Amino acid sequence: MTEAEDRGAVFDGVQIGRPATGALLDAGYRASADLPADLDELLALHGVGPKAVHLLRQARAH
């Protein structure tokens, strides 16, 4: 993997992990504001698991 392909483990300031960040970006999400109201919908994306959804939910609550 080259550095250009590594999109990091942080999505819009939330440390959710590399697979989840990549899955969200590949699905067209660029910021937390772009995410669906029901974050559980993200579980359908390969690479997004319950922990990432939990962290995103916590970030949204603050």
Foldseek 3Di string as FASTA:
>chain_A
DDPVPQPDQDAQRFRQGRLLNVQCVVVPDRHLVPADPPLVVSCVTPSDDPSSSVRSVVVVVD
